[in-house]
PDB file of N, CA and C in Angstrom:
ATOM      1  N   MET A   1      23.640 -48.987  11.397  1.00  0.00           N
ATOM      2  CA  MET A   1      24.128 -47.637  11.574  1.00  0.00           C
ATOM      3  C   MET A   1      25.498 -47.626  12.255  1.00  0.00           C
ATOM      4  N   GLN A   2      25.758 -48.595  13.110  1.00  0.00           N
ATOM      5  CA  GLN A   2      27.027 -48.626  13.835  1.00  0.00           C
ATOM      6  C   GLN A   2      28.210 -48.696  12.880  1.00  0.00           C
ATOM      7  N   LYS A   3      28.110 -49.508  11.824  1.00  0.00           N
ATOM      8  CA  LYS A   3      29.215 -49.624  10.865  1.00  0.00           C
ATOM      9  C   LYS A   3      29.455 -48.291  10.160  1.00  0.00           C
ATOM     10  N   GLN A   4      28.382 -47.577   9.852  1.00  0.00           N
ATOM     11  CA  GLN A   4      28.524 -46.265   9.222  1.00  0.00           C
ATOM     12  C   GLN A   4      29.252 -45.301  10.148  1.00  0.00           C
ATOM     13  N   LEU A   5      28.902 -45.327  11.420  1.00  0.00           N
ATOM     14  CA  LEU A   5      29.545 -44.443  12.391  1.00  0.00           C
ATOM     15  C   LEU A   5      31.022 -44.781  12.548  1.00  0.00           C
ATOM     16  N   GLU A   6      31.347 -46.058  12.543  1.00  0.00           N
ATOM     17  CA  GLU A   6      32.749 -46.471  12.647  1.00  0.00           C
ATOM     18  C   GLU A   6      33.539 -45.994  11.430  1.00  0.00           C
ATOM     19  N   LYS A   7      32.947 -46.080  10.244  1.00  0.00           N
ATOM     20  CA  LYS A   7      33.612 -45.604   9.035  1.00  0.00           C
ATOM     21  C   LYS A   7      33.837 -44.092   9.101  1.00  0.00           C
ATOM     22  N   ILE A   8      32.854 -43.381   9.619  1.00  0.00           N
ATOM     23  CA  ILE A   8      32.982 -41.929   9.749  1.00  0.00           C
ATOM     24  C   ILE A   8      34.095 -41.584  10.733  1.00  0.00           C
ATOM     25  N   GLU A   9      34.155 -42.296  11.859  1.00  0.00           N
ATOM     26  CA  GLU A   9      35.220 -42.054  12.838  1.00  0.00           C
ATOM     27  C   GLU A   9      36.600 -42.267  12.230  1.00  0.00           C
ATOM     28  N   ILE A  10      36.748 -43.316  11.447  1.00  0.00           N
ATOM     29  CA  ILE A  10      38.034 -43.611  10.807  1.00  0.00           C
ATOM     30  C   ILE A  10      38.384 -42.521   9.805  1.00  0.00           C
ATOM     31  N   GLU A  11      37.422 -42.132   8.993  1.00  0.00           N
ATOM     32  CA  GLU A  11      37.661 -41.082   7.994  1.00  0.00           C
ATOM     33  C   GLU A  11      37.978 -39.753   8.667  1.00  0.00           C
ATOM     34  N   LEU A  12      37.284 -39.439   9.745  1.00  0.00           N
ATOM     35  CA  LEU A  12      37.545 -38.200  10.474  1.00  0.00           C
ATOM     36  C   LEU A  12      38.964 -38.197  11.034  1.00  0.00           C
ATOM     37  N   ALA A  13      39.383 -39.302  11.618  1.00  0.00           N
ATOM     38  CA  ALA A  13      40.752 -39.401  12.149  1.00  0.00           C
ATOM     39  C   ALA A  13      41.767 -39.237  11.023  1.00  0.00           C
ATOM     40  N   GLN A  14      41.486 -39.782   9.855  1.00  0.00           N
ATOM     41  CA  GLN A  14      42.396 -39.647   8.714  1.00  0.00           C
ATOM     42  C   GLN A  14      42.473 -38.198   8.234  1.00  0.00           C
ATOM     43  N   ARG A  15      41.338 -37.525   8.210  1.00  0.00           N
ATOM     44  CA  ARG A  15      41.333 -36.105   7.817  1.00  0.00           C
ATOM     45  C   ARG A  15      42.150 -35.279   8.798  1.00  0.00           C
ATOM     46  N   ILE A  16      41.924 -35.525  10.068  1.00  0.00           N
ATOM     47  CA  ILE A  16      42.658 -34.795  11.102  1.00  0.00           C
ATOM     48  C   ILE A  16      44.151 -35.088  10.987  1.00  0.00           C
ATOM     49  N   TYR A  17      44.506 -36.348  10.768  1.00  0.00           N
ATOM     50  CA  TYR A  17      45.914 -36.729  10.658  1.00  0.00           C
ATOM     51  C   TYR A  17      46.586 -36.001   9.496  1.00  0.00           C
ATOM     52  N   LYS A  18      45.921 -35.948   8.362  1.00  0.00           N
ATOM     53  CA  LYS A  18      46.488 -35.276   7.190  1.00  0.00           C
ATOM     54  C   LYS A  18      46.750 -33.791   7.481  1.00  0.00           C
ATOM     55  N   LEU A  19      45.785 -33.141   8.100  1.00  0.00           N
ATOM     56  CA  LEU A  19      45.953 -31.723   8.437  1.00  0.00           C
ATOM     57  C   LEU A  19      47.027 -31.534   9.509  1.00  0.00           C
ATOM     58  N   PHE A  20      47.074 -32.446  10.465  1.00  0.00           N
ATOM     59  CA  PHE A  20      48.082 -32.411  11.519  1.00  0.00           C
ATOM     60  C   PHE A  20      49.495 -32.509  10.930  1.00  0.00           C
ATOM     61  N   ILE A  21      49.680 -33.403   9.973  1.00  0.00           N
ATOM     62  CA  ILE A  21      50.998 -33.557   9.335  1.00  0.00           C
ATOM     63  C   ILE A  21      51.393 -32.259   8.636  1.00  0.00           C
ATOM     64  N   GLU A  22      50.440 -31.639   7.940  1.00  0.00           N
ATOM     65  CA  GLU A  22      50.725 -30.390   7.220  1.00  0.00           C
ATOM     66  C   GLU A  22      51.059 -29.255   8.185  1.00  0.00           C
ATOM     67  N   LYS A  23      50.266 -29.112   9.241  1.00  0.00           N
ATOM     68  CA  LYS A  23      50.416 -27.959  10.130  1.00  0.00           C
ATOM     69  C   LYS A  23      51.487 -28.159  11.208  1.00  0.00           C
ATOM     70  N   PHE A  24      51.587 -29.369  11.745  1.00  0.00           N
ATOM     71  CA  PHE A  24      52.490 -29.607  12.869  1.00  0.00           C
ATOM     72  C   PHE A  24      53.691 -30.466  12.492  1.00  0.00           C
ATOM     73  N   ASP A  25      53.815 -30.790  11.236  1.00  0.00           N
ATOM     74  CA  ASP A  25      54.960 -31.556  10.721  1.00  0.00           C
ATOM     75  C   ASP A  25      55.206 -32.844  11.519  1.00  0.00           C
ATOM     76  N   GLY A  26      54.111 -33.481  11.942  1.00  0.00           N
ATOM     77  CA  GLY A  26      54.227 -34.747  12.658  1.00  0.00           C
ATOM     78  C   GLY A  26      54.534 -34.639  14.135  1.00  0.00           C
ATOM     79  N   ASN A  27      54.590 -33.432  14.685  1.00  0.00           N
ATOM     80  CA  ASN A  27      54.922 -33.240  16.092  1.00  0.00           C
ATOM     81  C   ASN A  27      53.652 -33.386  16.945  1.00  0.00           C
ATOM     82  N   LYS A  28      53.457 -34.582  17.483  1.00  0.00           N
ATOM     83  CA  LYS A  28      52.255 -34.869  18.272  1.00  0.00           C
ATOM     84  C   LYS A  28      52.211 -34.062  19.571  1.00  0.00           C
ATOM     85  N   SER A  29      53.365 -33.792  20.151  1.00  0.00           N
ATOM     86  CA  SER A  29      53.395 -33.003  21.390  1.00  0.00           C
ATOM     87  C   SER A  29      52.884 -31.590  21.156  1.00  0.00           C
ATOM     88  N   ALA A  30      53.341 -30.974  20.082  1.00  0.00           N
ATOM     89  CA  ALA A  30      52.887 -29.611  19.765  1.00  0.00           C
ATOM     90  C   ALA A  30      51.398 -29.595  19.445  1.00  0.00           C
ATOM     91  N   PHE A  31      50.942 -30.605  18.722  1.00  0.00           N
ATOM     92  CA  PHE A  31      49.522 -30.694  18.377  1.00  0.00           C
ATOM     93  C   PHE A  31      48.675 -30.900  19.636  1.00  0.00           C
ATOM     94  N   ALA A  32      49.133 -31.750  20.520  1.00  0.00           N
ATOM     95  CA  ALA A  32      48.406 -31.985  21.771  1.00  0.00           C
ATOM     96  C   ALA A  32      48.316 -30.704  22.596  1.00  0.00           C
ATOM     97  N   ARG A  33      49.417 -29.979  22.691  1.00  0.00           N
ATOM     98  CA  ARG A  33      49.401 -28.704  23.442  1.00  0.00           C
ATOM     99  C   ARG A  33      48.416 -27.725  22.801  1.00  0.00           C
ATOM    100  N   ALA A  34      48.459 -27.609  21.485  1.00  0.00           N
ATOM    101  CA  ALA A  34      47.567 -26.680  20.777  1.00  0.00           C
ATOM    102  C   ALA A  34      46.108 -27.100  20.919  1.00  0.00           C
ATOM    103  N   SER A  35      45.878 -28.409  21.054  1.00  0.00           N
ATOM    104  CA  SER A  35      44.520 -28.935  21.207  1.00  0.00           C
ATOM    105  C   SER A  35      44.091 -28.996  22.673  1.00  0.00           C
ATOM    106  N   GLN A  36      44.981 -28.642  23.571  1.00  0.00           N
ATOM    107  CA  GLN A  36      44.746 -28.661  25.013  1.00  0.00           C
ATOM    108  C   GLN A  36      44.306 -30.043  25.496  1.00  0.00           C
ATOM    109  N   CYS A  37      45.039 -31.050  25.054  1.00  0.00           N
ATOM    110  CA  CYS A  37      44.812 -32.411  25.542  1.00  0.00           C
ATOM    111  C   CYS A  37      46.171 -33.075  25.663  1.00  0.00           C
ATOM    112  N   ASN A  38      46.196 -34.318  26.112  1.00  0.00           N
ATOM    113  CA  ASN A  38      47.508 -34.955  26.248  1.00  0.00           C
ATOM    114  C   ASN A  38      47.871 -35.732  24.982  1.00  0.00           C
ATOM    115  N   GLU A  39      49.137 -35.984  24.851  1.00  0.00           N
ATOM    116  CA  GLU A  39      49.657 -36.637  23.643  1.00  0.00           C
ATOM    117  C   GLU A  39      49.104 -38.054  23.483  1.00  0.00           C
ATOM    118  N   THR A  40      48.851 -38.725  24.585  1.00  0.00           N
ATOM    119  CA  THR A  40      48.280 -40.072  24.526  1.00  0.00           C
ATOM    120  C   THR A  40      46.924 -40.057  23.836  1.00  0.00           C
ATOM    121  N   THR A  41      46.133 -39.043  24.109  1.00  0.00           N
ATOM    122  CA  THR A  41      44.834 -38.912  23.459  1.00  0.00           C
ATOM    123  C   THR A  41      44.996 -38.790  21.954  1.00  0.00           C
ATOM    124  N   ILE A  42      45.933 -37.969  21.518  1.00  0.00           N
ATOM    125  CA  ILE A  42      46.190 -37.789  20.087  1.00  0.00           C
ATOM    126  C   ILE A  42      46.633 -39.106  19.462  1.00  0.00           C
ATOM    127  N   ARG A  43      47.544 -39.792  20.122  1.00  0.00           N
ATOM    128  CA  ARG A  43      48.019 -41.082  19.595  1.00  0.00           C
ATOM    129  C   ARG A  43      46.876 -42.083  19.469  1.00  0.00           C
ATOM    130  N   ARG A  44      46.015 -42.144  20.479  1.00  0.00           N
ATOM    131  CA  ARG A  44      44.892 -43.090  20.459  1.00  0.00           C
ATOM    132  C   ARG A  44      43.884 -42.745  19.362  1.00  0.00           C
ATOM    133  N   ILE A  45      43.667 -41.482  19.128  1.00  0.00           N
ATOM    134  CA  ILE A  45      42.763 -41.072  18.046  1.00  0.00           C
ATOM    135  C   ILE A  45      43.326 -41.498  16.700  1.00  0.00           C
ATOM    136  N   PHE A  46      44.592 -41.275  16.490  1.00  0.00           N
ATOM    137  CA  PHE A  46      45.216 -41.634  15.217  1.00  0.00           C
ATOM    138  C   PHE A  46      45.258 -43.145  15.004  1.00  0.00           C
ATOM    139  N   ARG A  47      45.257 -43.919  16.074  1.00  0.00           N
ATOM    140  CA  ARG A  47      45.247 -45.384  15.969  1.00  0.00           C
ATOM    141  C   ARG A  47      43.827 -45.947  15.986  1.00  0.00           C
ATOM    142  N   ASN A  48      42.832 -45.058  15.981  1.00  0.00           N
ATOM    143  CA  ASN A  48      41.419 -45.447  16.045  1.00  0.00           C
ATOM    144  C   ASN A  48      41.099 -46.267  17.287  1.00  0.00           C
ATOM    145  N   GLN A  49      41.743 -45.923  18.379  1.00  0.00           N
ATOM    146  CA  GLN A  49      41.503 -46.589  19.649  1.00  0.00           C
ATOM    147  C   GLN A  49      40.633 -45.739  20.572  1.00  0.00           C
ATOM    148  N   GLN A  50      40.348 -44.514  20.145  1.00  0.00           N
ATOM    149  CA  GLN A  50      39.562 -43.605  20.968  1.00  0.00           C
ATOM    150  C   GLN A  50      38.682 -42.757  20.069  1.00  0.00           C
ATOM    151  N   GLY A  51      37.434 -42.599  20.480  1.00  0.00           N
ATOM    152  CA  GLY A  51      36.528 -41.718  19.763  1.00  0.00           C
ATOM    153  C   GLY A  51      36.821 -40.262  20.098  1.00  0.00           C
ATOM    154  N   ILE A  52      36.165 -39.380  19.375  1.00  0.00           N
ATOM    155  CA  ILE A  52      36.375 -37.945  19.567  1.00  0.00           C
ATOM    156  C   ILE A  52      35.085 -37.325  20.081  1.00  0.00           C
ATOM    157  N   THR A  53      35.166 -36.727  21.250  1.00  0.00           N
ATOM    158  CA  THR A  53      34.002 -36.029  21.794  1.00  0.00           C
ATOM    159  C   THR A  53      33.830 -34.696  21.058  1.00  0.00           C
ATOM    160  N   ILE A  54      32.677 -34.093  21.218  1.00  0.00           N
ATOM    161  CA  ILE A  54      32.433 -32.776  20.611  1.00  0.00           C
ATOM    162  C   ILE A  54      33.435 -31.764  21.159  1.00  0.00           C
ATOM    163  N   ASN A  55      33.670 -31.816  22.446  1.00  0.00           N
ATOM    164  CA  ASN A  55      34.622 -30.902  23.087  1.00  0.00           C
ATOM    165  C   ASN A  55      36.002 -31.042  22.448  1.00  0.00           C
ATOM    166  N   LEU A  56      36.470 -32.277  22.317  1.00  0.00           N
ATOM    167  CA  LEU A  56      37.786 -32.518  21.732  1.00  0.00           C
ATOM    168  C   LEU A  56      37.816 -32.134  20.255  1.00  0.00           C
ATOM    169  N   LEU A  57      36.743 -32.412  19.541  1.00  0.00           N
ATOM    170  CA  LEU A  57      36.668 -32.040  18.125  1.00  0.00           C
ATOM    171  C   LEU A  57      36.798 -30.527  17.957  1.00  0.00           C
ATOM    172  N   LEU A  58      36.153 -29.776  18.805  1.00  0.00           N
ATOM    173  CA  LEU A  58      36.252 -28.308  18.753  1.00  0.00           C
ATOM    174  C   LEU A  58      37.683 -27.841  19.008  1.00  0.00           C
ATOM    175  N   ARG A  59      38.339 -28.441  20.000  1.00  0.00           N
ATOM    176  CA  ARG A  59      39.718 -28.057  20.318  1.00  0.00           C
ATOM    177  C   ARG A  59      40.693 -28.452  19.210  1.00  0.00           C
ATOM    178  N   ILE A  60      40.471 -29.614  18.604  1.00  0.00           N
ATOM    179  CA  ILE A  60      41.315 -30.059  17.495  1.00  0.00           C
ATOM    180  C   ILE A  60      41.131 -29.132  16.294  1.00  0.00           C
ATOM    181  N   ALA A  61      39.893 -28.812  15.984  1.00  0.00           N
ATOM    182  CA  ALA A  61      39.623 -27.905  14.862  1.00  0.00           C
ATOM    183  C   ALA A  61      40.287 -26.553  15.087  1.00  0.00           C
ATOM    184  N   PHE A  62      40.204 -26.036  16.303  1.00  0.00           N
ATOM    185  CA  PHE A  62      40.839 -24.763  16.632  1.00  0.00           C
ATOM    186  C   PHE A  62      42.349 -24.843  16.425  1.00  0.00           C
ATOM    187  N   ALA A  63      42.952 -25.933  16.898  1.00  0.00           N
ATOM    188  CA  ALA A  63      44.406 -26.111  16.755  1.00  0.00           C
ATOM    189  C   ALA A  63      44.816 -26.217  15.293  1.00  0.00           C
ATOM    190  N   LEU A  64      43.972 -26.828  14.480  1.00  0.00           N
ATOM    191  CA  LEU A  64      44.272 -26.990  13.053  1.00  0.00           C
ATOM    192  C   LEU A  64      43.863 -25.768  12.225  1.00  0.00           C
ATOM    193  N   GLU A  65      43.222 -24.808  12.895  1.00  0.00           N
ATOM    194  CA  GLU A  65      42.739 -23.589  12.234  1.00  0.00           C
ATOM    195  C   GLU A  65      41.795 -23.915  11.084  1.00  0.00           C
ATOM    196  N   ILE A  66      40.817 -24.775  11.395  1.00  0.00           N
ATOM    197  CA  ILE A  66      39.800 -25.190  10.443  1.00  0.00           C
ATOM    198  C   ILE A  66      38.473 -25.257  11.191  1.00  0.00           C
ATOM    199  N   SER A  67      37.391 -25.099  10.490  1.00  0.00           N
ATOM    200  CA  SER A  67      36.094 -25.184  11.163  1.00  0.00           C
ATOM    201  C   SER A  67      35.682 -26.641  11.327  1.00  0.00           C
ATOM    202  N   VAL A  68      34.902 -26.893  12.341  1.00  0.00           N
ATOM    203  CA  VAL A  68      34.375 -28.234  12.564  1.00  0.00           C
ATOM    204  C   VAL A  68      33.534 -28.648  11.354  1.00  0.00           C
ATOM    205  N   THR A  69      32.814 -27.710  10.801  1.00  0.00           N
ATOM    206  CA  THR A  69      31.999 -27.985   9.624  1.00  0.00           C
ATOM    207  C   THR A  69      32.848 -28.513   8.478  1.00  0.00           C
ATOM    208  N   ASP A  70      34.005 -27.913   8.267  1.00  0.00           N
ATOM    209  CA  ASP A  70      34.889 -28.387   7.204  1.00  0.00           C
ATOM    210  C   ASP A  70      35.426 -29.788   7.496  1.00  0.00           C
ATOM    211  N   LEU A  71      35.712 -30.073   8.749  1.00  0.00           N
ATOM    212  CA  LEU A  71      36.175 -31.409   9.108  1.00  0.00           C
ATOM    213  C   LEU A  71      35.091 -32.469   8.868  1.00  0.00           C
ATOM    214  N   LEU A  72      33.845 -32.087   9.088  1.00  0.00           N
ATOM    215  CA  LEU A  72      32.737 -33.036   8.975  1.00  0.00           C
ATOM    216  C   LEU A  72      32.050 -33.005   7.603  1.00  0.00           C
ATOM    217  N   LYS A  73      32.563 -32.193   6.713  1.00  0.00           N
ATOM    218  CA  LYS A  73      31.937 -32.015   5.407  1.00  0.00           C
ATOM    219  C   LYS A  73      31.751 -33.346   4.671  1.00  0.00           C
ATOM    220  N   ASP A  74      30.583 -33.515   4.102  1.00  0.00           N
ATOM    221  CA  ASP A  74      30.198 -34.655   3.264  1.00  0.00           C
ATOM    222  C   ASP A  74      29.984 -35.963   4.010  1.00  0.00           C
ATOM    223  N   PHE A  75      30.040 -35.964   5.324  1.00  0.00           N
ATOM    224  CA  PHE A  75      29.688 -37.181   6.049  1.00  0.00           C
ATOM    225  C   PHE A  75      28.167 -37.308   6.047  1.00  0.00           C
ATOM    226  N   LYS A  76      27.710 -38.514   5.859  1.00  0.00           N
ATOM    227  CA  LYS A  76      26.278 -38.742   5.788  1.00  0.00           C
ATOM    228  C   LYS A  76      25.967 -40.104   6.390  1.00  0.00           C
ATOM    229  N   ILE A  77      24.923 -40.153   7.167  1.00  0.00           N
ATOM    230  CA  ILE A  77      24.462 -41.423   7.717  1.00  0.00           C
ATOM    231  C   ILE A  77      23.200 -41.804   6.956  1.00  0.00           C
ATOM    232  N   GLU A  78      23.289 -42.922   6.275  1.00  0.00           N
ATOM    233  CA  GLU A  78      22.150 -43.405   5.498  1.00  0.00           C
ATOM    234  C   GLU A  78      21.179 -44.129   6.419  1.00  0.00           C
ATOM    235  N   ARG A  79      19.923 -43.912   6.176  1.00  0.00           N
ATOM    236  CA  ARG A  79      18.885 -44.589   6.942  1.00  0.00           C
ATOM    237  C   ARG A  79      18.798 -46.037   6.456  1.00  0.00           C
ATOM    238  N   GLU A  80      18.937 -46.953   7.371  1.00  0.00           N
ATOM    239  CA  GLU A  80      18.890 -48.368   7.022  1.00  0.00           C
ATOM    240  C   GLU A  80      17.453 -48.867   7.060  1.00  0.00           C
ATOM    241  N   ASN A  81      17.179 -49.832   6.241  1.00  0.00           N
ATOM    242  CA  ASN A  81      15.855 -50.452   6.261  1.00  0.00           C
ATOM    243  C   ASN A  81      15.741 -51.314   7.521  1.00  0.00           C
ATOM    244  N   LEU A  82      14.758 -51.011   8.311  1.00  0.00           N
ATOM    245  CA  LEU A  82      14.546 -51.759   9.530  1.00  0.00           C
ATOM    246  C   LEU A  82      13.303 -52.616   9.360  1.00  0.00           C
ATOM    247  N   LYS A  83      13.472 -53.911   9.487  1.00  0.00           N
ATOM    248  CA  LYS A  83      12.339 -54.828   9.379  1.00  0.00           C
ATOM    249  C   LYS A  83      11.938 -55.259  10.757  1.00  0.00           C
ATOM    250  N   GLN A  84      10.649 -55.261  10.974  1.00  0.00           N
ATOM    251  CA  GLN A  84      10.156 -55.660  12.296  1.00  0.00           C
ATOM    252  C   GLN A  84       9.425 -56.974  12.191  1.00  0.00           C
TER     253      GLN A  84
END
């Protein structure tokens, strides 16, 4: 399951990055202000060096003017076969 979660985190960061480029024209400072976090956090998320908390995800979605549901659309965690 961990590998699936890592893939989802990477895909989520890519989705956010694409929307950020469209809305903020690459201005990380403006995006950080709109998301009410610091620019270092934004940079670390885009480099996949930091995970996204629910709180931060909500603030990012608000700044991008998109719902969290739309950001998370089609993500699925498959149940792995567990052998005991």
